[in-house]
Amino acid sequence: MRDLEETMRFDPEEGIANLDDHLDRLKKAADEGGFKFDRHAARNELQAATFGKRRPAIARLLLSPTGAMAIEVRAED
């Protein structure tokens, strides 16, 4: 089973654009695929991963079927 992936735009002034929409989409996909997903933990992990960033970036969250998350933040092209 493949991981679920959600890609989000981060702005240092505004935070992650449409964060609730991204989390809703991930929750729906997780439910449909039988994945474990902790929305609150995902929000916290994303905020921690982008804390102190001063430039626009792309945040990518990978969710495994067990609920484990990996977050990558890279500079926006």
PDB file of N, CA and C in Angstrom:
ATOM      1  N   MET A   1       0.849  -1.186   0.000  1.00  0.00           N
ATOM      2  CA  MET A   1       0.000   0.000   0.000  1.00  0.00           C
ATOM      3  C   MET A   1       0.888   1.240   0.000  1.00  0.00           C
ATOM      4  N   ARG A   2       0.572   2.150  -0.871  1.00  0.00           N
ATOM      5  CA  ARG A   2       1.382   3.370  -0.974  1.00  0.00           C
ATOM      6  C   ARG A   2       0.971   4.412   0.065  1.00  0.00           C
ATOM      7  N   ASP A   3       1.910   5.279   0.406  1.00  0.00           N
ATOM      8  CA  ASP A   3       1.620   6.377   1.315  1.00  0.00           C
ATOM      9  C   ASP A   3       0.712   7.396   0.636  1.00  0.00           C
ATOM     10  N   LEU A   4      -0.025   8.129   1.446  1.00  0.00           N
ATOM     11  CA  LEU A   4      -0.780   9.276   0.950  1.00  0.00           C
ATOM     12  C   LEU A   4       0.146  10.481   0.974  1.00  0.00           C
ATOM     13  N   GLU A   5      -0.069  11.404   0.056  1.00  0.00           N
ATOM     14  CA  GLU A   5       0.782  12.591  -0.037  1.00  0.00           C
ATOM     15  C   GLU A   5      -0.082  13.832  -0.187  1.00  0.00           C
ATOM     16  N   GLU A   6       0.286  14.875   0.536  1.00  0.00           N
ATOM     17  CA  GLU A   6      -0.380  16.166   0.406  1.00  0.00           C
ATOM     18  C   GLU A   6       0.709  17.232   0.320  1.00  0.00           C
ATOM     19  N   THR A   7       0.609  18.085  -0.679  1.00  0.00           N
ATOM     20  CA  THR A   7       1.586  19.155  -0.897  1.00  0.00           C
ATOM     21  C   THR A   7       0.909  20.496  -0.656  1.00  0.00           C
ATOM     22  N   MET A   8       1.570  21.361   0.108  1.00  0.00           N
ATOM     23  CA  MET A   8       0.986  22.629   0.537  1.00  0.00           C
ATOM     24  C   MET A   8       1.965  23.779   0.351  1.00  0.00           C
ATOM     25  N   ARG A   9       1.432  24.935   0.056  1.00  0.00           N
ATOM     26  CA  ARG A   9       2.259  26.135  -0.076  1.00  0.00           C
ATOM     27  C   ARG A   9       2.347  26.839   1.281  1.00  0.00           C
ATOM     28  N   PHE A  10       3.562  27.217   1.653  1.00  0.00           N
ATOM     29  CA  PHE A  10       3.806  27.936   2.907  1.00  0.00           C
ATOM     30  C   PHE A  10       4.284  29.349   2.608  1.00  0.00           C
ATOM     31  N   ASP A  11       3.679  30.313   3.297  1.00  0.00           N
ATOM     32  CA  ASP A  11       4.094  31.715   3.223  1.00  0.00           C
ATOM     33  C   ASP A  11       4.481  32.143   4.634  1.00  0.00           C
ATOM     34  N   PRO A  12       5.644  32.790   4.797  1.00  0.00           N
ATOM     35  CA  PRO A  12       6.089  33.138   6.149  1.00  0.00           C
ATOM     36  C   PRO A  12       5.138  34.085   6.886  1.00  0.00           C
ATOM     37  N   GLU A  13       4.380  34.888   6.161  1.00  0.00           N
ATOM     38  CA  GLU A  13       3.438  35.815   6.798  1.00  0.00           C
ATOM     39  C   GLU A  13       2.089  35.163   7.103  1.00  0.00           C
ATOM     40  N   GLU A  14       1.657  34.265   6.237  1.00  0.00           N
ATOM     41  CA  GLU A  14       0.316  33.693   6.340  1.00  0.00           C
ATOM     42  C   GLU A  14       0.290  32.260   6.864  1.00  0.00           C
ATOM     43  N   GLY A  15       1.435  31.581   6.860  1.00  0.00           N
ATOM     44  CA  GLY A  15       1.460  30.173   7.242  1.00  0.00           C
ATOM     45  C   GLY A  15       1.130  29.301   6.040  1.00  0.00           C
ATOM     46  N   ILE A  16       0.604  28.121   6.291  1.00  0.00           N
ATOM     47  CA  ILE A  16       0.259  27.203   5.212  1.00  0.00           C
ATOM     48  C   ILE A  16      -1.097  27.600   4.642  1.00  0.00           C
ATOM     49  N   ALA A  17      -1.103  27.838   3.348  1.00  0.00           N
ATOM     50  CA  ALA A  17      -2.329  28.270   2.672  1.00  0.00           C
ATOM     51  C   ALA A  17      -3.375  27.156   2.716  1.00  0.00           C
ATOM     52  N   ASN A  18      -4.595  27.518   3.087  1.00  0.00           N
ATOM     53  CA  ASN A  18      -5.730  26.584   3.081  1.00  0.00           C
ATOM     54  C   ASN A  18      -5.453  25.305   3.876  1.00  0.00           C
ATOM     55  N   LEU A  19      -4.817  25.459   5.026  1.00  0.00           N
ATOM     56  CA  LEU A  19      -4.416  24.294   5.817  1.00  0.00           C
ATOM     57  C   LEU A  19      -5.597  23.377   6.144  1.00  0.00           C
ATOM     58  N   ASP A  20      -6.717  23.952   6.554  1.00  0.00           N
ATOM     59  CA  ASP A  20      -7.867  23.113   6.907  1.00  0.00           C
ATOM     60  C   ASP A  20      -8.363  22.310   5.712  1.00  0.00           C
ATOM     61  N   ASP A  21      -8.347  22.910   4.530  1.00  0.00           N
ATOM     62  CA  ASP A  21      -8.754  22.182   3.320  1.00  0.00           C
ATOM     63  C   ASP A  21      -7.814  21.012   3.049  1.00  0.00           C
ATOM     64  N   HIS A  22      -6.519  21.252   3.219  1.00  0.00           N
ATOM     65  CA  HIS A  22      -5.534  20.175   3.015  1.00  0.00           C
ATOM     66  C   HIS A  22      -5.759  19.038   4.017  1.00  0.00           C
ATOM     67  N   LEU A  23      -5.984  19.399   5.278  1.00  0.00           N
ATOM     68  CA  LEU A  23      -6.190  18.379   6.307  1.00  0.00           C
ATOM     69  C   LEU A  23      -7.506  17.627   6.072  1.00  0.00           C
ATOM     70  N   ASP A  24      -8.543  18.339   5.617  1.00  0.00           N
ATOM     71  CA  ASP A  24      -9.818  17.675   5.298  1.00  0.00           C
ATOM     72  C   ASP A  24      -9.631  16.652   4.180  1.00  0.00           C
ATOM     73  N   ARG A  25      -8.900  17.052   3.136  1.00  0.00           N
ATOM     74  CA  ARG A  25      -8.659  16.166   1.998  1.00  0.00           C
ATOM     75  C   ARG A  25      -7.863  14.928   2.436  1.00  0.00           C
ATOM     76  N   LEU A  26      -6.855  15.159   3.268  1.00  0.00           N
ATOM     77  CA  LEU A  26      -6.036  14.050   3.756  1.00  0.00           C
ATOM     78  C   LEU A  26      -6.864  13.115   4.642  1.00  0.00           C
ATOM     79  N   LYS A  27      -7.708  13.668   5.487  1.00  0.00           N
ATOM     80  CA  LYS A  27      -8.572  12.872   6.358  1.00  0.00           C
ATOM     81  C   LYS A  27      -9.522  12.007   5.525  1.00  0.00           C
ATOM     82  N   LYS A  28     -10.111  12.589   4.502  1.00  0.00           N
ATOM     83  CA  LYS A  28     -11.036  11.852   3.636  1.00  0.00           C
ATOM     84  C   LYS A  28     -10.319  10.687   2.939  1.00  0.00           C
ATOM     85  N   ALA A  29      -9.138  10.987   2.382  1.00  0.00           N
ATOM     86  CA  ALA A  29      -8.363   9.941   1.697  1.00  0.00           C
ATOM     87  C   ALA A  29      -7.931   8.860   2.681  1.00  0.00           C
ATOM     88  N   ALA A  30      -7.551   9.265   3.889  1.00  0.00           N
ATOM     89  CA  ALA A  30      -7.135   8.299   4.907  1.00  0.00           C
ATOM     90  C   ALA A  30      -8.302   7.388   5.287  1.00  0.00           C
ATOM     91  N   ASP A  31      -9.466   7.980   5.498  1.00  0.00           N
ATOM     92  CA  ASP A  31     -10.643   7.181   5.846  1.00  0.00           C
ATOM     93  C   ASP A  31     -10.987   6.195   4.731  1.00  0.00           C
ATOM     94  N   GLU A  32     -10.950   6.674   3.504  1.00  0.00           N
ATOM     95  CA  GLU A  32     -11.292   5.826   2.360  1.00  0.00           C
ATOM     96  C   GLU A  32     -10.285   4.688   2.168  1.00  0.00           C
ATOM     97  N   GLY A  33      -9.015   4.965   2.499  1.00  0.00           N
ATOM     98  CA  GLY A  33      -7.973   3.960   2.305  1.00  0.00           C
ATOM     99  C   GLY A  33      -7.676   3.096   3.513  1.00  0.00           C
ATOM    100  N   GLY A  34      -8.378   3.348   4.623  1.00  0.00           N
ATOM    101  CA  GLY A  34      -8.138   2.575   5.830  1.00  0.00           C
ATOM    102  C   GLY A  34      -6.862   2.967   6.568  1.00  0.00           C
ATOM    103  N   PHE A  35      -6.388   4.198   6.322  1.00  0.00           N
ATOM    104  CA  PHE A  35      -5.190   4.704   6.994  1.00  0.00           C
ATOM    105  C   PHE A  35      -5.567   5.285   8.351  1.00  0.00           C
ATOM    106  N   LYS A  36      -4.647   5.216   9.291  1.00  0.00           N
ATOM    107  CA  LYS A  36      -4.806   5.943  10.545  1.00  0.00           C
ATOM    108  C   LYS A  36      -4.358   7.374  10.285  1.00  0.00           C
ATOM    109  N   PHE A  37      -5.087   8.348  10.843  1.00  0.00           N
ATOM    110  CA  PHE A  37      -4.715   9.748  10.641  1.00  0.00           C
ATOM    111  C   PHE A  37      -5.135  10.565  11.850  1.00  0.00           C
ATOM    112  N   ASP A  38      -4.185  11.284  12.416  1.00  0.00           N
ATOM    113  CA  ASP A  38      -4.431  12.172  13.553  1.00  0.00           C
ATOM    114  C   ASP A  38      -4.300  13.607  13.050  1.00  0.00           C
ATOM    115  N   ARG A  39      -5.436  14.225  12.810  1.00  0.00           N
ATOM    116  CA  ARG A  39      -5.467  15.581  12.250  1.00  0.00           C
ATOM    117  C   ARG A  39      -4.713  16.583  13.141  1.00  0.00           C
ATOM    118  N   HIS A  40      -4.935  16.488  14.444  1.00  0.00           N
ATOM    119  CA  HIS A  40      -4.285  17.416  15.377  1.00  0.00           C
ATOM    120  C   HIS A  40      -2.760  17.250  15.331  1.00  0.00           C
ATOM    121  N   ALA A  41      -2.303  16.009  15.303  1.00  0.00           N
ATOM    122  CA  ALA A  41      -0.860  15.760  15.231  1.00  0.00           C
ATOM    123  C   ALA A  41      -0.294  16.271  13.913  1.00  0.00           C
ATOM    124  N   ALA A  42      -1.039  16.095  12.829  1.00  0.00           N
ATOM    125  CA  ALA A  42      -0.568  16.574  11.523  1.00  0.00           C
ATOM    126  C   ALA A  42      -0.411  18.087  11.540  1.00  0.00           C
ATOM    127  N   ARG A  43      -1.394  18.784  12.093  1.00  0.00           N
ATOM    128  CA  ARG A  43      -1.320  20.250  12.196  1.00  0.00           C
ATOM    129  C   ARG A  43      -0.089  20.658  13.010  1.00  0.00           C
ATOM    130  N   ASN A  44       0.108  20.007  14.141  1.00  0.00           N
ATOM    131  CA  ASN A  44       1.251  20.341  15.000  1.00  0.00           C
ATOM    132  C   ASN A  44       2.578  20.081  14.294  1.00  0.00           C
ATOM    133  N   GLU A  45       2.672  18.941  13.609  1.00  0.00           N
ATOM    134  CA  GLU A  45       3.918  18.597  12.901  1.00  0.00           C
ATOM    135  C   GLU A  45       4.210  19.595  11.781  1.00  0.00           C
ATOM    136  N   LEU A  46       3.178  19.993  11.060  1.00  0.00           N
ATOM    137  CA  LEU A  46       3.367  20.974   9.982  1.00  0.00           C
ATOM    138  C   LEU A  46       3.807  22.324  10.539  1.00  0.00           C
ATOM    139  N   GLN A  47       3.194  22.734  11.638  1.00  0.00           N
ATOM    140  CA  GLN A  47       3.588  24.009  12.247  1.00  0.00           C
ATOM    141  C   GLN A  47       5.018  23.947  12.765  1.00  0.00           C
ATOM    142  N   ALA A  48       5.403  22.833  13.353  1.00  0.00           N
ATOM    143  CA  ALA A  48       6.778  22.677  13.841  1.00  0.00           C
ATOM    144  C   ALA A  48       7.773  22.684  12.683  1.00  0.00           C
ATOM    145  N   ALA A  49       7.405  22.030  11.573  1.00  0.00           N
ATOM    146  CA  ALA A  49       8.314  21.926  10.423  1.00  0.00           C
ATOM    147  C   ALA A  49       8.524  23.272   9.733  1.00  0.00           C
ATOM    148  N   THR A  50       7.542  24.159   9.824  1.00  0.00           N
ATOM    149  CA  THR A  50       7.658  25.458   9.145  1.00  0.00           C
ATOM    150  C   THR A  50       8.017  26.589  10.103  1.00  0.00           C
ATOM    151  N   PHE A  51       8.099  26.292  11.384  1.00  0.00           N
ATOM    152  CA  PHE A  51       8.408  27.332  12.378  1.00  0.00           C
ATOM    153  C   PHE A  51       9.739  28.008  12.061  1.00  0.00           C
ATOM    154  N   GLY A  52       9.727  29.328  12.040  1.00  0.00           N
ATOM    155  CA  GLY A  52      10.952  30.102  11.826  1.00  0.00           C
ATOM    156  C   GLY A  52      11.367  30.242  10.369  1.00  0.00           C
ATOM    157  N   LYS A  53      10.639  29.618   9.452  1.00  0.00           N
ATOM    158  CA  LYS A  53      10.974  29.757   8.024  1.00  0.00           C
ATOM    159  C   LYS A  53      10.668  31.190   7.597  1.00  0.00           C
ATOM    160  N   ARG A  54      11.590  31.776   6.851  1.00  0.00           N
ATOM    161  CA  ARG A  54      11.446  33.184   6.467  1.00  0.00           C
ATOM    162  C   ARG A  54      11.186  33.380   4.976  1.00  0.00           C
ATOM    163  N   ARG A  55      11.115  32.294   4.245  1.00  0.00           N
ATOM    164  CA  ARG A  55      10.892  32.384   2.793  1.00  0.00           C
ATOM    165  C   ARG A  55       9.740  31.473   2.401  1.00  0.00           C
ATOM    166  N   PRO A  56       9.053  31.803   1.309  1.00  0.00           N
ATOM    167  CA  PRO A  56       8.003  30.907   0.821  1.00  0.00           C
ATOM    168  C   PRO A  56       8.578  29.517   0.556  1.00  0.00           C
ATOM    169  N   ALA A  57       7.765  28.514   0.816  1.00  0.00           N
ATOM    170  CA  ALA A  57       8.233  27.133   0.679  1.00  0.00           C
ATOM    171  C   ALA A  57       7.068  26.220   0.312  1.00  0.00           C
ATOM    172  N   ILE A  58       7.422  24.999  -0.003  1.00  0.00           N
ATOM    173  CA  ILE A  58       6.457  23.942  -0.256  1.00  0.00           C
ATOM    174  C   ILE A  58       6.631  22.898   0.841  1.00  0.00           C
ATOM    175  N   ALA A  59       5.539  22.577   1.514  1.00  0.00           N
ATOM    176  CA  ALA A  59       5.556  21.529   2.539  1.00  0.00           C
ATOM    177  C   ALA A  59       4.880  20.294   1.951  1.00  0.00           C
ATOM    178  N   ARG A  60       5.516  19.160   2.124  1.00  0.00           N
ATOM    179  CA  ARG A  60       4.982  17.894   1.606  1.00  0.00           C
ATOM    180  C   ARG A  60       4.841  16.935   2.773  1.00  0.00           C
ATOM    181  N   LEU A  61       3.627  16.452   2.993  1.00  0.00           N
ATOM    182  CA  LEU A  61       3.371  15.518   4.073  1.00  0.00           C
ATOM    183  C   LEU A  61       3.071  14.154   3.473  1.00  0.00           C
ATOM    184  N   LEU A  62       3.784  13.150   3.946  1.00  0.00           N
ATOM    185  CA  LEU A  62       3.531  11.766   3.566  1.00  0.00           C
ATOM    186  C   LEU A  62       2.928  11.056   4.770  1.00  0.00           C
ATOM    187  N   LEU A  63       1.846  10.315   4.528  1.00  0.00           N
ATOM    188  CA  LEU A  63       1.164   9.580   5.585  1.00  0.00           C
ATOM    189  C   LEU A  63       1.182   8.095   5.251  1.00  0.00           C
ATOM    190  N   SER A  64       1.740   7.297   6.160  1.00  0.00           N
ATOM    191  CA  SER A  64       1.777   5.843   5.947  1.00  0.00           C
ATOM    192  C   SER A  64       0.461   5.236   6.440  1.00  0.00           C
ATOM    193  N   PRO A  65       0.164   4.021   6.028  1.00  0.00           N
ATOM    194  CA  PRO A  65      -1.071   3.368   6.492  1.00  0.00           C
ATOM    195  C   PRO A  65      -1.171   3.254   8.010  1.00  0.00           C
ATOM    196  N   THR A  66      -0.029   3.206   8.694  1.00  0.00           N
ATOM    197  CA  THR A  66      -0.031   3.095  10.158  1.00  0.00           C
ATOM    198  C   THR A  66      -0.268   4.435  10.854  1.00  0.00           C
ATOM    199  N   GLY A  67      -0.267   5.529  10.070  1.00  0.00           N
ATOM    200  CA  GLY A  67      -0.450   6.859  10.642  1.00  0.00           C
ATOM    201  C   GLY A  67       0.845   7.622  10.836  1.00  0.00           C
ATOM    202  N   ALA A  68       1.979   6.973  10.559  1.00  0.00           N
ATOM    203  CA  ALA A  68       3.265   7.672  10.677  1.00  0.00           C
ATOM    204  C   ALA A  68       3.347   8.754   9.602  1.00  0.00           C
ATOM    205  N   MET A  69       3.900   9.905   9.980  1.00  0.00           N
ATOM    206  CA  MET A  69       4.011  11.035   9.062  1.00  0.00           C
ATOM    207  C   MET A  69       5.457  11.426   8.842  1.00  0.00           C
ATOM    208  N   ALA A  70       5.747  11.858   7.621  1.00  0.00           N
ATOM    209  CA  ALA A  70       7.032  12.450   7.299  1.00  0.00           C
ATOM    210  C   ALA A  70       6.720  13.762   6.596  1.00  0.00           C
ATOM    211  N   ILE A  71       7.436  14.818   6.974  1.00  0.00           N
ATOM    212  CA  ILE A  71       7.203  16.131   6.401  1.00  0.00           C
ATOM    213  C   ILE A  71       8.512  16.655   5.834  1.00  0.00           C
ATOM    214  N   GLU A  72       8.434  17.139   4.609  1.00  0.00           N
ATOM    215  CA  GLU A  72       9.588  17.738   3.934  1.00  0.00           C
ATOM    216  C   GLU A  72       9.197  19.177   3.605  1.00  0.00           C
ATOM    217  N   VAL A  73      10.080  20.117   3.910  1.00  0.00           N
ATOM    218  CA  VAL A  73       9.847  21.511   3.562  1.00  0.00           C
ATOM    219  C   VAL A  73      11.015  21.960   2.691  1.00  0.00           C
ATOM    220  N   ARG A  74      10.689  22.446   1.489  1.00  0.00           N
ATOM    221  CA  ARG A  74      11.746  22.903   0.581  1.00  0.00           C
ATOM    222  C   ARG A  74      11.386  24.278   0.035  1.00  0.00           C
ATOM    223  N   ALA A  75      12.410  25.005  -0.340  1.00  0.00           N
ATOM    224  CA  ALA A  75      12.202  26.344  -0.892  1.00  0.00           C
ATOM    225  C   ALA A  75      11.324  26.258  -2.133  1.00  0.00           C
ATOM    226  N   GLU A  76      10.470  27.243  -2.282  1.00  0.00           N
ATOM    227  CA  GLU A  76       9.605  27.286  -3.458  1.00  0.00           C
ATOM    228  C   GLU A  76      10.431  27.639  -4.682  1.00  0.00           C
ATOM    229  N   ASP A  77      10.189  26.946  -5.778  1.00  0.00           N
ATOM    230  CA  ASP A  77      10.947  27.193  -7.011  1.00  0.00           C
ATOM    231  C   ASP A  77      10.612  28.540  -7.616  1.00  0.00           C
TER     232      ASP A  77
END
